[in-house]
Amino acid sequence: MNKSELVDALADAAGMTKADAGRAVDALFGTDDGIISKALKRGDRVQITGFGTFETKERKARTGRNPRTGETIKISATNTPGFRAGKGLKDAVKR
């Protein structure tokens, strides 16, 4: 399912226009100004009971290897977004 299909499904399920559903999806999942991404940038955790948890994870600095040249390179520390599925979502997918 891509974004436009998600917007269509949300519009049908909630009985709203596709334009309103598109704005709702952008408000929640937008990469720059979405609710989830803003919370993760602040270092907060977004927990949706039964669905899952969005949170940032710190990756430590490490050394890696360039596969083309074999040269050892230094990879700096970074923060990455992560998602852990909740029990309700896991159970729904198992069925």
PDB file of N, CA and C in Angstrom:
ATOM      1  N   MET A   1       0.848  -1.173   0.000  1.00  0.00           N
ATOM      2  CA  MET A   1       0.000   0.000   0.000  1.00  0.00           C
ATOM      3  C   MET A   1       0.891   1.233   0.000  1.00  0.00           C
ATOM      4  N   ASN A   2       0.661   2.126  -0.955  1.00  0.00           N
ATOM      5  CA  ASN A   2       1.428   3.364  -0.986  1.00  0.00           C
ATOM      6  C   ASN A   2       0.599   4.492  -0.374  1.00  0.00           C
ATOM      7  N   LYS A   3       1.151   5.695  -0.392  1.00  0.00           N
ATOM      8  CA  LYS A   3       0.500   6.816   0.281  1.00  0.00           C
ATOM      9  C   LYS A   3      -0.876   7.126  -0.313  1.00  0.00           C
ATOM     10  N   SER A   4      -1.005   7.135  -1.615  1.00  0.00           N
ATOM     11  CA  SER A   4      -2.296   7.466  -2.213  1.00  0.00           C
ATOM     12  C   SER A   4      -3.340   6.398  -1.894  1.00  0.00           C
ATOM     13  N   GLU A   5      -2.926   5.143  -1.833  1.00  0.00           N
ATOM     14  CA  GLU A   5      -3.852   4.085  -1.454  1.00  0.00           C
ATOM     15  C   GLU A   5      -4.257   4.217   0.014  1.00  0.00           C
ATOM     16  N   LEU A   6      -3.308   4.636   0.857  1.00  0.00           N
ATOM     17  CA  LEU A   6      -3.606   4.875   2.261  1.00  0.00           C
ATOM     18  C   LEU A   6      -4.607   6.015   2.409  1.00  0.00           C
ATOM     19  N   VAL A   7      -4.420   7.081   1.654  1.00  0.00           N
ATOM     20  CA  VAL A   7      -5.344   8.210   1.690  1.00  0.00           C
ATOM     21  C   VAL A   7      -6.738   7.761   1.252  1.00  0.00           C
ATOM     22  N   ASP A   8      -6.824   6.989   0.172  1.00  0.00           N
ATOM     23  CA  ASP A   8      -8.121   6.481  -0.301  1.00  0.00           C
ATOM     24  C   ASP A   8      -8.797   5.608   0.758  1.00  0.00           C
ATOM     25  N   ALA A   9      -8.032   4.720   1.387  1.00  0.00           N
ATOM     26  CA  ALA A   9      -8.595   3.832   2.400  1.00  0.00           C
ATOM     27  C   ALA A   9      -9.067   4.619   3.620  1.00  0.00           C
ATOM     28  N   LEU A  10      -8.298   5.634   4.027  1.00  0.00           N
ATOM     29  CA  LEU A  10      -8.684   6.463   5.163  1.00  0.00           C
ATOM     30  C   LEU A  10      -9.951   7.253   4.846  1.00  0.00           C
ATOM     31  N   ALA A  11     -10.038   7.783   3.654  1.00  0.00           N
ATOM     32  CA  ALA A  11     -11.223   8.543   3.250  1.00  0.00           C
ATOM     33  C   ALA A  11     -12.466   7.654   3.281  1.00  0.00           C
ATOM     34  N   ASP A  12     -12.337   6.429   2.787  1.00  0.00           N
ATOM     35  CA  ASP A  12     -13.473   5.499   2.790  1.00  0.00           C
ATOM     36  C   ASP A  12     -13.852   5.078   4.215  1.00  0.00           C
ATOM     37  N   ALA A  13     -12.846   4.752   5.034  1.00  0.00           N
ATOM     38  CA  ALA A  13     -13.113   4.250   6.385  1.00  0.00           C
ATOM     39  C   ALA A  13     -13.677   5.327   7.307  1.00  0.00           C
ATOM     40  N   ALA A  14     -13.208   6.560   7.157  1.00  0.00           N
ATOM     41  CA  ALA A  14     -13.632   7.633   8.060  1.00  0.00           C
ATOM     42  C   ALA A  14     -14.762   8.480   7.485  1.00  0.00           C
ATOM     43  N   GLY A  15     -15.144   8.240   6.247  1.00  0.00           N
ATOM     44  CA  GLY A  15     -16.208   9.009   5.635  1.00  0.00           C
ATOM     45  C   GLY A  15     -15.841  10.464   5.411  1.00  0.00           C
ATOM     46  N   MET A  16     -14.612  10.702   5.011  1.00  0.00           N
ATOM     47  CA  MET A  16     -14.149  12.072   4.755  1.00  0.00           C
ATOM     48  C   MET A  16     -13.705  12.193   3.306  1.00  0.00           C
ATOM     49  N   THR A  17     -13.468  13.418   2.879  1.00  0.00           N
ATOM     50  CA  THR A  17     -13.010  13.624   1.508  1.00  0.00           C
ATOM     51  C   THR A  17     -11.564  13.171   1.382  1.00  0.00           C
ATOM     52  N   LYS A  18     -11.148  12.899   0.163  1.00  0.00           N
ATOM     53  CA  LYS A  18      -9.756  12.492  -0.074  1.00  0.00           C
ATOM     54  C   LYS A  18      -8.795  13.617   0.283  1.00  0.00           C
ATOM     55  N   ALA A  19      -9.212  14.871   0.071  1.00  0.00           N
ATOM     56  CA  ALA A  19      -8.355  16.010   0.416  1.00  0.00           C
ATOM     57  C   ALA A  19      -8.134  16.076   1.924  1.00  0.00           C
ATOM     58  N   ASP A  20      -9.203  15.888   2.694  1.00  0.00           N
ATOM     59  CA  ASP A  20      -9.069  15.894   4.154  1.00  0.00           C
ATOM     60  C   ASP A  20      -8.227  14.711   4.628  1.00  0.00           C
ATOM     61  N   ALA A  21      -8.432  13.560   4.028  1.00  0.00           N
ATOM     62  CA  ALA A  21      -7.656  12.378   4.397  1.00  0.00           C
ATOM     63  C   ALA A  21      -6.182  12.578   4.066  1.00  0.00           C
ATOM     64  N   GLY A  22      -5.892  13.211   2.933  1.00  0.00           N
ATOM     65  CA  GLY A  22      -4.505  13.495   2.564  1.00  0.00           C
ATOM     66  C   GLY A  22      -3.838  14.430   3.556  1.00  0.00           C
ATOM     67  N   ARG A  23      -4.569  15.452   3.998  1.00  0.00           N
ATOM     68  CA  ARG A  23      -4.018  16.373   4.995  1.00  0.00           C
ATOM     69  C   ARG A  23      -3.791  15.660   6.324  1.00  0.00           C
ATOM     70  N   ALA A  24      -4.686  14.746   6.681  1.00  0.00           N
ATOM     71  CA  ALA A  24      -4.538  13.989   7.927  1.00  0.00           C
ATOM     72  C   ALA A  24      -3.303  13.088   7.877  1.00  0.00           C
ATOM     73  N   VAL A  25      -3.113  12.409   6.755  1.00  0.00           N
ATOM     74  CA  VAL A  25      -1.945  11.535   6.604  1.00  0.00           C
ATOM     75  C   VAL A  25      -0.660  12.365   6.645  1.00  0.00           C
ATOM     76  N   ASP A  26      -0.644  13.507   5.955  1.00  0.00           N
ATOM     77  CA  ASP A  26       0.531  14.383   5.969  1.00  0.00           C
ATOM     78  C   ASP A  26       0.802  14.929   7.371  1.00  0.00           C
ATOM     79  N   ALA A  27      -0.250  15.288   8.099  1.00  0.00           N
ATOM     80  CA  ALA A  27      -0.079  15.824   9.446  1.00  0.00           C
ATOM     81  C   ALA A  27       0.518  14.789  10.387  1.00  0.00           C
ATOM     82  N   LEU A  28       0.192  13.540  10.181  1.00  0.00           N
ATOM     83  CA  LEU A  28       0.692  12.488  11.055  1.00  0.00           C
ATOM     84  C   LEU A  28       2.055  11.966  10.627  1.00  0.00           C
ATOM     85  N   PHE A  29       2.222  11.694   9.318  1.00  0.00           N
ATOM     86  CA  PHE A  29       3.424  11.011   8.844  1.00  0.00           C
ATOM     87  C   PHE A  29       4.396  11.886   8.071  1.00  0.00           C
ATOM     88  N   GLY A  30       4.143  13.178   7.921  1.00  0.00           N
ATOM     89  CA  GLY A  30       5.027  14.045   7.146  1.00  0.00           C
ATOM     90  C   GLY A  30       6.455  14.000   7.653  1.00  0.00           C
ATOM     91  N   THR A  31       7.414  14.024   6.743  1.00  0.00           N
ATOM     92  CA  THR A  31       8.815  13.894   7.152  1.00  0.00           C
ATOM     93  C   THR A  31       9.372  15.157   7.786  1.00  0.00           C
ATOM     94  N   ASP A  32       8.915  16.323   7.380  1.00  0.00           N
ATOM     95  CA  ASP A  32       9.437  17.570   7.934  1.00  0.00           C
ATOM     96  C   ASP A  32       8.583  18.104   9.074  1.00  0.00           C
ATOM     97  N   ASP A  33       7.274  18.127   8.878  1.00  0.00           N
ATOM     98  CA  ASP A  33       6.409  18.742   9.876  1.00  0.00           C
ATOM     99  C   ASP A  33       5.330  17.811  10.396  1.00  0.00           C
ATOM    100  N   GLY A  34       5.514  16.526  10.255  1.00  0.00           N
ATOM    101  CA  GLY A  34       4.552  15.553  10.755  1.00  0.00           C
ATOM    102  C   GLY A  34       4.652  15.401  12.264  1.00  0.00           C
ATOM    103  N   ILE A  35       3.574  15.015  12.872  1.00  0.00           N
ATOM    104  CA  ILE A  35       3.516  14.874  14.331  1.00  0.00           C
ATOM    105  C   ILE A  35       4.541  13.857  14.825  1.00  0.00           C
ATOM    106  N   ILE A  36       4.631  12.711  14.162  1.00  0.00           N
ATOM    107  CA  ILE A  36       5.563  11.671  14.601  1.00  0.00           C
ATOM    108  C   ILE A  36       7.005  12.118  14.428  1.00  0.00           C
ATOM    109  N   SER A  37       7.350  12.693  13.283  1.00  0.00           N
ATOM    110  CA  SER A  37       8.739  13.097  13.057  1.00  0.00           C
ATOM    111  C   SER A  37       9.153  14.234  13.988  1.00  0.00           C
ATOM    112  N   LYS A  38       8.249  15.154  14.290  1.00  0.00           N
ATOM    113  CA  LYS A  38       8.574  16.236  15.237  1.00  0.00           C
ATOM    114  C   LYS A  38       8.862  15.671  16.622  1.00  0.00           C
ATOM    115  N   ALA A  39       8.053  14.708  17.051  1.00  0.00           N
ATOM    116  CA  ALA A  39       8.270  14.098  18.364  1.00  0.00           C
ATOM    117  C   ALA A  39       9.606  13.355  18.404  1.00  0.00           C
ATOM    118  N   LEU A  40       9.937  12.647  17.337  1.00  0.00           N
ATOM    119  CA  LEU A  40      11.204  11.912  17.299  1.00  0.00           C
ATOM    120  C   LEU A  40      12.392  12.868  17.271  1.00  0.00           C
ATOM    121  N   LYS A  41      12.257  13.998  16.580  1.00  0.00           N
ATOM    122  CA  LYS A  41      13.337  14.995  16.564  1.00  0.00           C
ATOM    123  C   LYS A  41      13.594  15.547  17.950  1.00  0.00           C
ATOM    124  N   ARG A  42      12.530  15.692  18.755  1.00  0.00           N
ATOM    125  CA  ARG A  42      12.678  16.175  20.128  1.00  0.00           C
ATOM    126  C   ARG A  42      13.226  15.098  21.056  1.00  0.00           C
ATOM    127  N   GLY A  43      13.272  13.875  20.584  1.00  0.00           N
ATOM    128  CA  GLY A  43      13.741  12.774  21.410  1.00  0.00           C
ATOM    129  C   GLY A  43      12.622  12.077  22.149  1.00  0.00           C
ATOM    130  N   ASP A  44      11.372  12.444  21.854  1.00  0.00           N
ATOM    131  CA  ASP A  44      10.222  11.816  22.497  1.00  0.00           C
ATOM    132  C   ASP A  44       9.905  10.482  21.838  1.00  0.00           C
ATOM    133  N   ARG A  45       9.114   9.710  22.532  1.00  0.00           N
ATOM    134  CA  ARG A  45       8.655   8.421  22.039  1.00  0.00           C
ATOM    135  C   ARG A  45       7.172   8.543  21.737  1.00  0.00           C
ATOM    136  N   VAL A  46       6.714   7.964  20.637  1.00  0.00           N
ATOM    137  CA  VAL A  46       5.300   7.978  20.275  1.00  0.00           C
ATOM    138  C   VAL A  46       4.781   6.556  20.425  1.00  0.00           C
ATOM    139  N   GLN A  47       3.896   6.371  21.407  1.00  0.00           N
ATOM    140  CA  GLN A  47       3.379   5.036  21.683  1.00  0.00           C
ATOM    141  C   GLN A  47       1.886   5.018  21.396  1.00  0.00           C
ATOM    142  N   ILE A  48       1.481   4.134  20.499  1.00  0.00           N
ATOM    143  CA  ILE A  48       0.076   3.942  20.159  1.00  0.00           C
ATOM    144  C   ILE A  48      -0.293   2.549  20.656  1.00  0.00           C
ATOM    145  N   THR A  49      -1.048   2.500  21.738  1.00  0.00           N
ATOM    146  CA  THR A  49      -1.367   1.243  22.398  1.00  0.00           C
ATOM    147  C   THR A  49      -2.029   0.270  21.423  1.00  0.00           C
ATOM    148  N   GLY A  50      -1.499  -0.931  21.383  1.00  0.00           N
ATOM    149  CA  GLY A  50      -2.025  -1.972  20.507  1.00  0.00           C
ATOM    150  C   GLY A  50      -1.419  -1.949  19.115  1.00  0.00           C
ATOM    151  N   PHE A  51      -0.892  -0.795  18.692  1.00  0.00           N
ATOM    152  CA  PHE A  51      -0.316  -0.687  17.345  1.00  0.00           C
ATOM    153  C   PHE A  51       1.197  -0.788  17.385  1.00  0.00           C
ATOM    154  N   GLY A  52       1.842   0.083  18.168  1.00  0.00           N
ATOM    155  CA  GLY A  52       3.289   0.028  18.253  1.00  0.00           C
ATOM    156  C   GLY A  52       3.896   1.301  18.799  1.00  0.00           C
ATOM    157  N   THR A  53       5.215   1.345  18.805  1.00  0.00           N
ATOM    158  CA  THR A  53       5.961   2.459  19.364  1.00  0.00           C
ATOM    159  C   THR A  53       7.004   2.936  18.370  1.00  0.00           C
ATOM    160  N   PHE A  54       7.015   4.244  18.136  1.00  0.00           N
ATOM    161  CA  PHE A  54       8.049   4.890  17.342  1.00  0.00           C
ATOM    162  C   PHE A  54       9.027   5.531  18.318  1.00  0.00           C
ATOM    163  N   GLU A  55      10.325   5.325  18.108  1.00  0.00           N
ATOM    164  CA  GLU A  55      11.322   5.942  18.967  1.00  0.00           C
ATOM    165  C   GLU A  55      12.647   6.056  18.219  1.00  0.00           C
ATOM    166  N   THR A  56      13.510   6.932  18.730  1.00  0.00           N
ATOM    167  CA  THR A  56      14.836   7.079  18.123  1.00  0.00           C
ATOM    168  C   THR A  56      15.801   6.126  18.819  1.00  0.00           C
ATOM    169  N   LYS A  57      16.744   5.639  18.052  1.00  0.00           N
ATOM    170  CA  LYS A  57      17.768   4.751  18.576  1.00  0.00           C
ATOM    171  C   LYS A  57      19.123   5.350  18.241  1.00  0.00           C
ATOM    172  N   GLU A  58      20.011   5.324  19.213  1.00  0.00           N
ATOM    173  CA  GLU A  58      21.357   5.843  18.993  1.00  0.00           C
ATOM    174  C   GLU A  58      22.252   4.727  18.486  1.00  0.00           C
ATOM    175  N   ARG A  59      22.929   5.010  17.379  1.00  0.00           N
ATOM    176  CA  ARG A  59      23.922   4.058  16.863  1.00  0.00           C
ATOM    177  C   ARG A  59      25.290   4.612  17.190  1.00  0.00           C
ATOM    178  N   LYS A  60      26.108   3.853  17.835  1.00  0.00           N
ATOM    179  CA  LYS A  60      27.436   4.295  18.239  1.00  0.00           C
ATOM    180  C   LYS A  60      28.349   4.417  17.028  1.00  0.00           C
ATOM    181  N   ALA A  61      29.397   5.218  17.191  1.00  0.00           N
ATOM    182  CA  ALA A  61      30.413   5.321  16.152  1.00  0.00           C
ATOM    183  C   ALA A  61      31.114   3.972  16.029  1.00  0.00           C
ATOM    184  N   ARG A  62      31.490   3.631  14.810  1.00  0.00           N
ATOM    185  CA  ARG A  62      32.116   2.335  14.589  1.00  0.00           C
ATOM    186  C   ARG A  62      33.015   2.415  13.357  1.00  0.00           C
ATOM    187  N   THR A  63      33.776   1.388  13.173  1.00  0.00           N
ATOM    188  CA  THR A  63      34.599   1.315  11.973  1.00  0.00           C
ATOM    189  C   THR A  63      33.948   0.355  11.006  1.00  0.00           C
ATOM    190  N   GLY A  64      34.046   0.683   9.746  1.00  0.00           N
ATOM    191  CA  GLY A  64      33.483  -0.158   8.705  1.00  0.00           C
ATOM    192  C   GLY A  64      34.518  -0.392   7.628  1.00  0.00           C
ATOM    193  N   ARG A  65      34.094  -1.041   6.579  1.00  0.00           N
ATOM    194  CA  ARG A  65      35.012  -1.350   5.496  1.00  0.00           C
ATOM    195  C   ARG A  65      34.328  -1.037   4.171  1.00  0.00           C
ATOM    196  N   ASN A  66      35.031  -0.310   3.321  1.00  0.00           N
ATOM    197  CA  ASN A  66      34.543  -0.026   1.984  1.00  0.00           C
ATOM    198  C   ASN A  66      34.617  -1.326   1.186  1.00  0.00           C
ATOM    199  N   PRO A  67      33.482  -1.869   0.730  1.00  0.00           N
ATOM    200  CA  PRO A  67      33.522  -3.167   0.056  1.00  0.00           C
ATOM    201  C   PRO A  67      34.251  -3.137  -1.287  1.00  0.00           C
ATOM    202  N   ARG A  68      34.307  -1.972  -1.914  1.00  0.00           N
ATOM    203  CA  ARG A  68      34.968  -1.876  -3.213  1.00  0.00           C
ATOM    204  C   ARG A  68      36.491  -1.877  -3.077  1.00  0.00           C
ATOM    205  N   THR A  69      36.994  -1.103  -2.099  1.00  0.00           N
ATOM    206  CA  THR A  69      38.448  -0.965  -1.971  1.00  0.00           C
ATOM    207  C   THR A  69      39.033  -1.767  -0.818  1.00  0.00           C
ATOM    208  N   GLY A  70      38.195  -2.171   0.131  1.00  0.00           N
ATOM    209  CA  GLY A  70      38.700  -2.875   1.304  1.00  0.00           C
ATOM    210  C   GLY A  70      39.254  -1.942   2.353  1.00  0.00           C
ATOM    211  N   GLU A  71      39.200  -0.629   2.088  1.00  0.00           N
ATOM    212  CA  GLU A  71      39.743   0.370   3.004  1.00  0.00           C
ATOM    213  C   GLU A  71      38.864   0.480   4.249  1.00  0.00           C
ATOM    214  N   THR A  72      39.508   0.606   5.419  1.00  0.00           N
ATOM    215  CA  THR A  72      38.783   0.797   6.667  1.00  0.00           C
ATOM    216  C   THR A  72      38.341   2.249   6.760  1.00  0.00           C
ATOM    217  N   ILE A  73      37.055   2.453   7.116  1.00  0.00           N
ATOM    218  CA  ILE A  73      36.533   3.814   7.238  1.00  0.00           C
ATOM    219  C   ILE A  73      35.884   3.976   8.609  1.00  0.00           C
ATOM    220  N   LYS A  74      35.789   5.228   9.037  1.00  0.00           N
ATOM    221  CA  LYS A  74      35.178   5.543  10.314  1.00  0.00           C
ATOM    222  C   LYS A  74      33.740   5.985  10.054  1.00  0.00           C
ATOM    223  N   ILE A  75      32.789   5.346  10.716  1.00  0.00           N
ATOM    224  CA  ILE A  75      31.375   5.693  10.593  1.00  0.00           C
ATOM    225  C   ILE A  75      30.978   6.405  11.873  1.00  0.00           C
ATOM    226  N   SER A  76      30.481   7.644  11.729  1.00  0.00           N
ATOM    227  CA  SER A  76      30.161   8.439  12.909  1.00  0.00           C
ATOM    228  C   SER A  76      28.860   7.976  13.561  1.00  0.00           C
ATOM    229  N   ALA A  77      28.676   8.386  14.813  1.00  0.00           N
ATOM    230  CA  ALA A  77      27.459   8.063  15.550  1.00  0.00           C
ATOM    231  C   ALA A  77      26.277   8.796  14.931  1.00  0.00           C
ATOM    232  N   THR A  78      25.108   8.196  15.028  1.00  0.00           N
ATOM    233  CA  THR A  78      23.915   8.807  14.450  1.00  0.00           C
ATOM    234  C   THR A  78      22.664   8.340  15.206  1.00  0.00           C
ATOM    235  N   ASN A  79      21.599   9.110  15.059  1.00  0.00           N
ATOM    236  CA  ASN A  79      20.298   8.718  15.592  1.00  0.00           C
ATOM    237  C   ASN A  79      19.439   8.234  14.439  1.00  0.00           C
ATOM    238  N   THR A  80      18.749   7.119  14.632  1.00  0.00           N
ATOM    239  CA  THR A  80      17.883   6.575  13.585  1.00  0.00           C
ATOM    240  C   THR A  80      16.493   6.324  14.165  1.00  0.00           C
ATOM    241  N   PRO A  81      15.454   6.481  13.346  1.00  0.00           N
ATOM    242  CA  PRO A  81      14.115   6.169  13.836  1.00  0.00           C
ATOM    243  C   PRO A  81      13.894   4.663  13.850  1.00  0.00           C
ATOM    244  N   GLY A  82      13.085   4.226  14.797  1.00  0.00           N
ATOM    245  CA  GLY A  82      12.772   2.807  14.891  1.00  0.00           C
ATOM    246  C   GLY A  82      11.310   2.608  15.222  1.00  0.00           C
ATOM    247  N   PHE A  83      10.793   1.440  14.895  1.00  0.00           N
ATOM    248  CA  PHE A  83       9.408   1.099  15.194  1.00  0.00           C
ATOM    249  C   PHE A  83       9.363  -0.303  15.754  1.00  0.00           C
ATOM    250  N   ARG A  84       8.630  -0.459  16.849  1.00  0.00           N
ATOM    251  CA  ARG A  84       8.388  -1.773  17.442  1.00  0.00           C
ATOM    252  C   ARG A  84       6.891  -2.030  17.407  1.00  0.00           C
ATOM    253  N   ALA A  85       6.498  -3.094  16.783  1.00  0.00           N
ATOM    254  CA  ALA A  85       5.078  -3.431  16.678  1.00  0.00           C
ATOM    255  C   ALA A  85       4.526  -3.833  18.034  1.00  0.00           C
ATOM    256  N   GLY A  86       3.297  -3.410  18.320  1.00  0.00           N
ATOM    257  CA  GLY A  86       2.621  -3.761  19.553  1.00  0.00           C
ATOM    258  C   GLY A  86       1.946  -5.117  19.447  1.00  0.00           C
ATOM    259  N   LYS A  87       1.479  -5.613  20.580  1.00  0.00           N
ATOM    260  CA  LYS A  87       0.868  -6.931  20.629  1.00  0.00           C
ATOM    261  C   LYS A  87      -0.371  -7.018  19.747  1.00  0.00           C
ATOM    262  N   GLY A  88      -1.198  -5.991  19.735  1.00  0.00           N
ATOM    263  CA  GLY A  88      -2.404  -6.016  18.920  1.00  0.00           C
ATOM    264  C   GLY A  88      -2.100  -6.145  17.446  1.00  0.00           C
ATOM    265  N   LEU A  89      -1.105  -5.407  16.974  1.00  0.00           N
ATOM    266  CA  LEU A  89      -0.707  -5.478  15.565  1.00  0.00           C
ATOM    267  C   LEU A  89      -0.104  -6.844  15.235  1.00  0.00           C
ATOM    268  N   LYS A  90       0.742  -7.341  16.119  1.00  0.00           N
ATOM    269  CA  LYS A  90       1.343  -8.658  15.904  1.00  0.00           C
ATOM    270  C   LYS A  90       0.278  -9.743  15.805  1.00  0.00           C
ATOM    271  N   ASP A  91      -0.690  -9.695  16.724  1.00  0.00           N
ATOM    272  CA  ASP A  91      -1.755 -10.694  16.726  1.00  0.00           C
ATOM    273  C   ASP A  91      -2.612 -10.588  15.476  1.00  0.00           C
ATOM    274  N   ALA A  92      -2.890  -9.357  15.017  1.00  0.00           N
ATOM    275  CA  ALA A  92      -3.704  -9.164  13.815  1.00  0.00           C
ATOM    276  C   ALA A  92      -3.014  -9.712  12.573  1.00  0.00           C
ATOM    277  N   VAL A  93      -1.702  -9.582  12.509  1.00  0.00           N
ATOM    278  CA  VAL A  93      -0.950 -10.065  11.348  1.00  0.00           C
ATOM    279  C   VAL A  93      -0.847 -11.585  11.361  1.00  0.00           C
ATOM    280  N   LYS A  94      -0.805 -12.186  12.526  1.00  0.00           N
ATOM    281  CA  LYS A  94      -0.695 -13.646  12.635  1.00  0.00           C
ATOM    282  C   LYS A  94      -1.917 -14.364  12.085  1.00  0.00           C
ATOM    283  N   ARG A  95      -3.077 -13.742  12.161  1.00  0.00           N
ATOM    284  CA  ARG A  95      -4.328 -14.413  11.759  1.00  0.00           C
ATOM    285  C   ARG A  95      -4.398 -14.623  10.293  1.00  0.00           C
TER     286      ARG A  95
END
